[in-house]
């Protein structure tokens, strides 16, 4: 949560946030369970902020990628795949929020 606190004001301004994640892409059952708990934790945190989180649900990875990279505002995760998507969002004129970053948001 501390990382997300760095973009707290911007998160509150969004109103609704769509969570794009698919734990079933992982093969280890314990990793899938951890990922599901993490998604629920993030959604609870967002609700406490007064934001309405919507879990997009289990979708095809290509559909998730197309959806996420077309976002007007994208909250970047910590991995390389999310970093790649963030670059595409910026190239399309969107804004990227990076939790834990010294720079609260990036716009290209």
C-alpha atoms as a PDB file:
ATOM      1  CA  UNK A   1       0.000   0.000   0.000  1.00  0.00           C
ATOM      2  CA  UNK A   2       2.846   2.401   0.691  1.00  0.00           C
ATOM      3  CA  UNK A   3       3.783   2.389  -2.983  1.00  0.00           C
ATOM      4  CA  UNK A   4       0.226   3.275  -3.992  1.00  0.00           C
ATOM      5  CA  UNK A   5       0.150   6.068  -1.409  1.00  0.00           C
ATOM      6  CA  UNK A   6       2.545   7.990  -3.685  1.00  0.00           C
ATOM      7  CA  UNK A   7      -0.248   8.287  -6.277  1.00  0.00           C
ATOM      8  CA  UNK A   8      -3.111   8.522  -3.768  1.00  0.00           C
ATOM      9  CA  UNK A   9      -4.556  11.842  -4.945  1.00  0.00           C
ATOM     10  CA  UNK A  10      -4.519  10.784  -8.584  1.00  0.00           C
ATOM     11  CA  UNK A  11      -6.186   7.463  -7.753  1.00  0.00           C
ATOM     12  CA  UNK A  12      -8.998   9.250  -5.910  1.00  0.00           C
ATOM     13  CA  UNK A  13      -9.589  11.490  -8.931  1.00  0.00           C
ATOM     14  CA  UNK A  14     -10.165   8.506 -11.227  1.00  0.00           C
ATOM     15  CA  UNK A  15     -13.442   7.407  -9.646  1.00  0.00           C
ATOM     16  CA  UNK A  16     -13.501   3.963 -11.278  1.00  0.00           C
ATOM     17  CA  UNK A  17     -10.484   1.744 -11.855  1.00  0.00           C
ATOM     18  CA  UNK A  18     -10.569  -1.430 -13.897  1.00  0.00           C
ATOM     19  CA  UNK A  19      -8.289  -4.176 -12.585  1.00  0.00           C
ATOM     20  CA  UNK A  20      -6.765  -6.205 -15.424  1.00  0.00           C
ATOM     21  CA  UNK A  21      -5.221  -9.404 -14.088  1.00  0.00           C
ATOM     22  CA  UNK A  22      -5.469 -13.105 -14.758  1.00  0.00           C
ATOM     23  CA  UNK A  23      -4.068 -15.349 -12.038  1.00  0.00           C
ATOM     24  CA  UNK A  24      -4.754 -18.419 -14.192  1.00  0.00           C
ATOM     25  CA  UNK A  25      -1.795 -17.471 -16.422  1.00  0.00           C
ATOM     26  CA  UNK A  26       0.376 -18.791 -13.601  1.00  0.00           C
ATOM     27  CA  UNK A  27       1.008 -22.510 -13.305  1.00  0.00           C
ATOM     28  CA  UNK A  28       1.778 -22.939  -9.605  1.00  0.00           C
ATOM     29  CA  UNK A  29      -1.400 -23.285  -7.469  1.00  0.00           C
ATOM     30  CA  UNK A  30       0.163 -21.426  -4.526  1.00  0.00           C
ATOM     31  CA  UNK A  31       1.184 -18.560  -6.823  1.00  0.00           C
ATOM     32  CA  UNK A  32      -2.349 -18.416  -8.235  1.00  0.00           C
ATOM     33  CA  UNK A  33      -3.768 -18.248  -4.697  1.00  0.00           C
ATOM     34  CA  UNK A  34      -1.294 -15.480  -3.747  1.00  0.00           C
ATOM     35  CA  UNK A  35      -2.225 -13.520  -6.883  1.00  0.00           C
ATOM     36  CA  UNK A  36      -5.950 -13.809  -6.139  1.00  0.00           C
ATOM     37  CA  UNK A  37      -5.372 -12.571  -2.568  1.00  0.00           C
ATOM     38  CA  UNK A  38      -3.311  -9.659  -3.923  1.00  0.00           C
ATOM     39  CA  UNK A  39      -6.089  -8.649  -6.337  1.00  0.00           C
ATOM     40  CA  UNK A  40      -8.626  -8.716  -3.487  1.00  0.00           C
ATOM     41  CA  UNK A  41      -6.282  -6.692  -1.278  1.00  0.00           C
ATOM     42  CA  UNK A  42      -5.809  -4.030  -3.972  1.00  0.00           C
ATOM     43  CA  UNK A  43      -9.558  -3.821  -4.541  1.00  0.00           C
ATOM     44  CA  UNK A  44     -10.200  -3.406  -0.786  1.00  0.00           C
ATOM     45  CA  UNK A  45      -7.529  -0.697  -0.602  1.00  0.00           C
ATOM     46  CA  UNK A  46      -9.111   1.185  -3.521  1.00  0.00           C
ATOM     47  CA  UNK A  47     -12.558   0.955  -1.912  1.00  0.00           C
ATOM     48  CA  UNK A  48     -11.140   2.478   1.290  1.00  0.00           C
ATOM     49  CA  UNK A  49      -9.944   5.409  -0.825  1.00  0.00           C
ATOM     50  CA  UNK A  50     -13.456   5.905  -2.159  1.00  0.00           C
ATOM     51  CA  UNK A  51     -12.552   4.575  -5.595  1.00  0.00           C
ATOM     52  CA  UNK A  52     -14.760   2.030  -7.350  1.00  0.00           C
ATOM     53  CA  UNK A  53     -12.583  -0.910  -8.453  1.00  0.00           C
ATOM     54  CA  UNK A  54     -13.944  -3.219 -11.138  1.00  0.00           C
ATOM     55  CA  UNK A  55     -12.260  -6.551 -11.760  1.00  0.00           C
ATOM     56  CA  UNK A  56     -12.361  -7.224 -15.495  1.00  0.00           C
ATOM     57  CA  UNK A  57     -12.299 -10.956 -14.877  1.00  0.00           C
ATOM     58  CA  UNK A  58     -10.584 -13.790 -16.648  1.00  0.00           C
ATOM     59  CA  UNK A  59     -10.030 -12.847 -20.283  1.00  0.00           C
ATOM     60  CA  UNK A  60      -7.732 -13.771 -23.102  1.00  0.00           C
ATOM     61  CA  UNK A  61      -4.231 -12.316 -22.604  1.00  0.00           C
ATOM     62  CA  UNK A  62      -4.354 -10.535 -25.978  1.00  0.00           C
ATOM     63  CA  UNK A  63      -7.679  -8.896 -25.090  1.00  0.00           C
ATOM     64  CA  UNK A  64      -6.280  -7.795 -21.729  1.00  0.00           C
ATOM     65  CA  UNK A  65      -3.224  -6.339 -23.438  1.00  0.00           C
ATOM     66  CA  UNK A  66      -5.311  -4.396 -25.982  1.00  0.00           C
ATOM     67  CA  UNK A  67      -7.634  -3.132 -23.245  1.00  0.00           C
ATOM     68  CA  UNK A  68      -4.835  -2.048 -20.897  1.00  0.00           C
ATOM     69  CA  UNK A  69      -2.731  -0.312 -23.541  1.00  0.00           C
ATOM     70  CA  UNK A  70      -5.731   1.721 -24.723  1.00  0.00           C
ATOM     71  CA  UNK A  71      -6.222   3.237 -21.259  1.00  0.00           C
ATOM     72  CA  UNK A  72      -6.333   7.006 -20.844  1.00  0.00           C
ATOM     73  CA  UNK A  73      -4.748   6.488 -17.409  1.00  0.00           C
ATOM     74  CA  UNK A  74      -2.680   3.376 -16.678  1.00  0.00           C
ATOM     75  CA  UNK A  75      -1.425   2.384 -13.233  1.00  0.00           C
ATOM     76  CA  UNK A  76       1.853   0.596 -13.824  1.00  0.00           C
ATOM     77  CA  UNK A  77       2.715  -2.576 -11.951  1.00  0.00           C
ATOM     78  CA  UNK A  78       6.200  -3.636 -10.948  1.00  0.00           C
ATOM     79  CA  UNK A  79       7.031  -6.085 -13.729  1.00  0.00           C
ATOM     80  CA  UNK A  80       8.517  -5.804 -17.176  1.00  0.00           C
ATOM     81  CA  UNK A  81       5.246  -6.625 -18.946  1.00  0.00           C
ATOM     82  CA  UNK A  82       3.513  -3.725 -17.181  1.00  0.00           C
ATOM     83  CA  UNK A  83       6.441  -1.443 -18.045  1.00  0.00           C
ATOM     84  CA  UNK A  84       6.072  -2.447 -21.706  1.00  0.00           C
ATOM     85  CA  UNK A  85       2.334  -1.678 -21.595  1.00  0.00           C
ATOM     86  CA  UNK A  86       3.012   1.666 -19.887  1.00  0.00           C
ATOM     87  CA  UNK A  87       5.304   2.664 -22.759  1.00  0.00           C
ATOM     88  CA  UNK A  88       2.550   1.898 -25.268  1.00  0.00           C
ATOM     89  CA  UNK A  89      -0.010   3.855 -23.233  1.00  0.00           C
ATOM     90  CA  UNK A  90       2.310   6.887 -23.300  1.00  0.00           C
ATOM     91  CA  UNK A  91       2.908   6.528 -27.047  1.00  0.00           C
ATOM     92  CA  UNK A  92      -0.861   6.614 -27.512  1.00  0.00           C
ATOM     93  CA  UNK A  93      -1.091   9.836 -25.497  1.00  0.00           C
ATOM     94  CA  UNK A  94      -2.242   8.302 -22.219  1.00  0.00           C
ATOM     95  CA  UNK A  95      -0.995   9.037 -18.729  1.00  0.00           C
ATOM     96  CA  UNK A  96       0.931   6.534 -16.615  1.00  0.00           C
ATOM     97  CA  UNK A  97       0.838   6.504 -12.831  1.00  0.00           C
ATOM     98  CA  UNK A  98       3.769   4.679 -11.259  1.00  0.00           C
ATOM     99  CA  UNK A  99       3.286   3.611  -7.629  1.00  0.00           C
ATOM    100  CA  UNK A 100       6.352   4.191  -5.482  1.00  0.00           C
ATOM    101  CA  UNK A 101       7.923   6.522  -8.020  1.00  0.00           C
ATOM    102  CA  UNK A 102       9.475   9.834  -7.039  1.00  0.00           C
ATOM    103  CA  UNK A 103       7.574  11.291  -9.998  1.00  0.00           C
ATOM    104  CA  UNK A 104       3.902  10.983  -9.222  1.00  0.00           C
ATOM    105  CA  UNK A 105       2.844  10.565 -12.810  1.00  0.00           C
ATOM    106  CA  UNK A 106       4.401  10.485 -16.213  1.00  0.00           C
ATOM    107  CA  UNK A 107       3.008  11.851 -19.407  1.00  0.00           C
ATOM    108  CA  UNK A 108       4.639  11.741 -22.776  1.00  0.00           C
END
